[in-house]
């Protein structure tokens, strides 16, 4: 099991924030996919619309090299923010 936690701050009056986690496979260079509960076989994603992304059920290294990021939008009109950089899952040998 793993948990990715985002800490963020905003300026102005953002209103309610909306979070959309995305992932990129190790072989894709530009293709980010929105995360859903069952996006990847054998893995369960949870909390993918919050500031914390959780995954469980991973029984092997099939997600080695996958990258994760979050897109944040606000109800108050503050511009969309895409996380700077990405968290990468790496399995030891």
C-alpha atoms as a PDB file:
ATOM      1  CA  UNK A   1       0.000   0.000   0.000  1.00  0.00           C
ATOM      2  CA  UNK A   2       1.139   3.553  -0.623  1.00  0.00           C
ATOM      3  CA  UNK A   3      -0.146   7.043   0.007  1.00  0.00           C
ATOM      4  CA  UNK A   4       0.769  10.214  -1.833  1.00  0.00           C
ATOM      5  CA  UNK A   5      -0.030  13.413   0.049  1.00  0.00           C
ATOM      6  CA  UNK A   6      -0.150  16.866  -1.480  1.00  0.00           C
ATOM      7  CA  UNK A   7       0.446  19.996   0.544  1.00  0.00           C
ATOM      8  CA  UNK A   8      -0.540  23.189  -1.193  1.00  0.00           C
ATOM      9  CA  UNK A   9      -1.263  26.820  -0.556  1.00  0.00           C
ATOM     10  CA  UNK A  10      -3.235  29.343  -2.543  1.00  0.00           C
ATOM     11  CA  UNK A  11      -3.411  33.082  -2.922  1.00  0.00           C
ATOM     12  CA  UNK A  12      -6.457  35.239  -3.326  1.00  0.00           C
ATOM     13  CA  UNK A  13      -9.873  33.732  -2.702  1.00  0.00           C
ATOM     14  CA  UNK A  14      -9.835  30.324  -4.363  1.00  0.00           C
ATOM     15  CA  UNK A  15     -13.098  28.971  -2.962  1.00  0.00           C
ATOM     16  CA  UNK A  16     -13.527  25.203  -2.811  1.00  0.00           C
ATOM     17  CA  UNK A  17     -10.630  23.282  -4.351  1.00  0.00           C
ATOM     18  CA  UNK A  18     -11.118  20.266  -6.636  1.00  0.00           C
ATOM     19  CA  UNK A  19      -8.380  17.642  -6.994  1.00  0.00           C
ATOM     20  CA  UNK A  20      -7.863  15.293  -9.947  1.00  0.00           C
ATOM     21  CA  UNK A  21      -4.995  12.823  -9.661  1.00  0.00           C
ATOM     22  CA  UNK A  22      -3.360  11.517 -12.833  1.00  0.00           C
ATOM     23  CA  UNK A  23      -0.768   8.886 -13.638  1.00  0.00           C
ATOM     24  CA  UNK A  24       1.667   8.235 -16.454  1.00  0.00           C
ATOM     25  CA  UNK A  25       3.098   4.795 -17.249  1.00  0.00           C
ATOM     26  CA  UNK A  26       6.831   4.215 -17.329  1.00  0.00           C
ATOM     27  CA  UNK A  27       6.774   3.946 -21.131  1.00  0.00           C
ATOM     28  CA  UNK A  28       4.485   6.896 -21.924  1.00  0.00           C
ATOM     29  CA  UNK A  29       6.254  10.213 -22.229  1.00  0.00           C
ATOM     30  CA  UNK A  30       3.268  12.559 -22.399  1.00  0.00           C
ATOM     31  CA  UNK A  31       0.098  10.546 -21.791  1.00  0.00           C
ATOM     32  CA  UNK A  32      -1.369  11.429 -18.392  1.00  0.00           C
ATOM     33  CA  UNK A  33      -4.555   9.511 -17.497  1.00  0.00           C
ATOM     34  CA  UNK A  34      -7.111  10.547 -14.916  1.00  0.00           C
ATOM     35  CA  UNK A  35      -7.118   8.054 -12.063  1.00  0.00           C
ATOM     36  CA  UNK A  36     -10.227   6.008 -11.339  1.00  0.00           C
ATOM     37  CA  UNK A  37     -10.697   3.298  -8.705  1.00  0.00           C
ATOM     38  CA  UNK A  38      -9.749   0.494 -11.115  1.00  0.00           C
ATOM     39  CA  UNK A  39      -7.502   2.191 -13.673  1.00  0.00           C
ATOM     40  CA  UNK A  40      -4.713  -0.392 -13.334  1.00  0.00           C
ATOM     41  CA  UNK A  41      -5.296  -4.145 -13.049  1.00  0.00           C
ATOM     42  CA  UNK A  42      -4.520  -5.480  -9.580  1.00  0.00           C
ATOM     43  CA  UNK A  43      -4.407  -2.048  -7.939  1.00  0.00           C
ATOM     44  CA  UNK A  44      -7.141  -0.192  -6.116  1.00  0.00           C
ATOM     45  CA  UNK A  45      -6.932   3.601  -6.048  1.00  0.00           C
ATOM     46  CA  UNK A  46      -8.805   5.612  -3.416  1.00  0.00           C
ATOM     47  CA  UNK A  47      -9.191   9.288  -2.519  1.00  0.00           C
ATOM     48  CA  UNK A  48      -8.269  10.366  -6.069  1.00  0.00           C
ATOM     49  CA  UNK A  49     -10.493  13.467  -5.798  1.00  0.00           C
ATOM     50  CA  UNK A  50      -8.854  14.698  -2.571  1.00  0.00           C
ATOM     51  CA  UNK A  51      -5.459  16.123  -1.598  1.00  0.00           C
ATOM     52  CA  UNK A  52      -4.307  12.580  -0.727  1.00  0.00           C
ATOM     53  CA  UNK A  53      -4.080   9.695  -3.200  1.00  0.00           C
ATOM     54  CA  UNK A  54      -3.968   6.144  -1.828  1.00  0.00           C
ATOM     55  CA  UNK A  55      -3.321   2.870  -3.610  1.00  0.00           C
ATOM     56  CA  UNK A  56      -3.512  -0.697  -2.368  1.00  0.00           C
ATOM     57  CA  UNK A  57      -3.559  -4.268  -3.621  1.00  0.00           C
ATOM     58  CA  UNK A  58      -0.261  -4.006  -5.482  1.00  0.00           C
ATOM     59  CA  UNK A  59       1.235  -7.508  -5.429  1.00  0.00           C
ATOM     60  CA  UNK A  60       4.200  -7.025  -7.770  1.00  0.00           C
ATOM     61  CA  UNK A  61       6.382  -4.391  -9.418  1.00  0.00           C
ATOM     62  CA  UNK A  62       3.976  -3.769 -12.324  1.00  0.00           C
ATOM     63  CA  UNK A  63       3.793  -0.029 -11.525  1.00  0.00           C
ATOM     64  CA  UNK A  64       7.571   0.426 -11.439  1.00  0.00           C
ATOM     65  CA  UNK A  65       8.405   3.795 -12.962  1.00  0.00           C
ATOM     66  CA  UNK A  66       4.819   5.087 -12.979  1.00  0.00           C
ATOM     67  CA  UNK A  67       4.506   8.811 -12.237  1.00  0.00           C
ATOM     68  CA  UNK A  68       1.711  10.575 -10.368  1.00  0.00           C
ATOM     69  CA  UNK A  69       0.630  14.209 -10.283  1.00  0.00           C
ATOM     70  CA  UNK A  70      -2.409  16.223  -9.255  1.00  0.00           C
ATOM     71  CA  UNK A  71      -4.429  18.902 -11.069  1.00  0.00           C
ATOM     72  CA  UNK A  72      -6.118  21.461  -8.795  1.00  0.00           C
ATOM     73  CA  UNK A  73      -8.941  23.761  -9.831  1.00  0.00           C
ATOM     74  CA  UNK A  74     -10.950  26.174  -7.709  1.00  0.00           C
ATOM     75  CA  UNK A  75     -14.562  27.239  -7.511  1.00  0.00           C
ATOM     76  CA  UNK A  76     -13.457  30.839  -6.965  1.00  0.00           C
ATOM     77  CA  UNK A  77     -11.724  31.223 -10.311  1.00  0.00           C
ATOM     78  CA  UNK A  78      -8.081  30.912  -9.267  1.00  0.00           C
ATOM     79  CA  UNK A  79      -6.158  29.483 -12.212  1.00  0.00           C
ATOM     80  CA  UNK A  80      -5.720  25.721 -12.563  1.00  0.00           C
ATOM     81  CA  UNK A  81      -2.539  24.335 -10.997  1.00  0.00           C
ATOM     82  CA  UNK A  82      -0.784  21.156 -12.082  1.00  0.00           C
ATOM     83  CA  UNK A  83       1.688  19.836  -9.525  1.00  0.00           C
ATOM     84  CA  UNK A  84       5.278  20.738 -10.279  1.00  0.00           C
ATOM     85  CA  UNK A  85       7.090  17.491 -10.878  1.00  0.00           C
ATOM     86  CA  UNK A  86       5.687  14.059 -10.175  1.00  0.00           C
ATOM     87  CA  UNK A  87       6.012  11.274  -7.623  1.00  0.00           C
ATOM     88  CA  UNK A  88       7.547   8.147  -9.166  1.00  0.00           C
ATOM     89  CA  UNK A  89       7.111   4.610  -7.837  1.00  0.00           C
ATOM     90  CA  UNK A  90      10.400   2.697  -7.881  1.00  0.00           C
ATOM     91  CA  UNK A  91      10.818  -0.910  -6.748  1.00  0.00           C
ATOM     92  CA  UNK A  92      14.171  -2.277  -5.581  1.00  0.00           C
ATOM     93  CA  UNK A  93      15.671  -5.362  -7.158  1.00  0.00           C
END
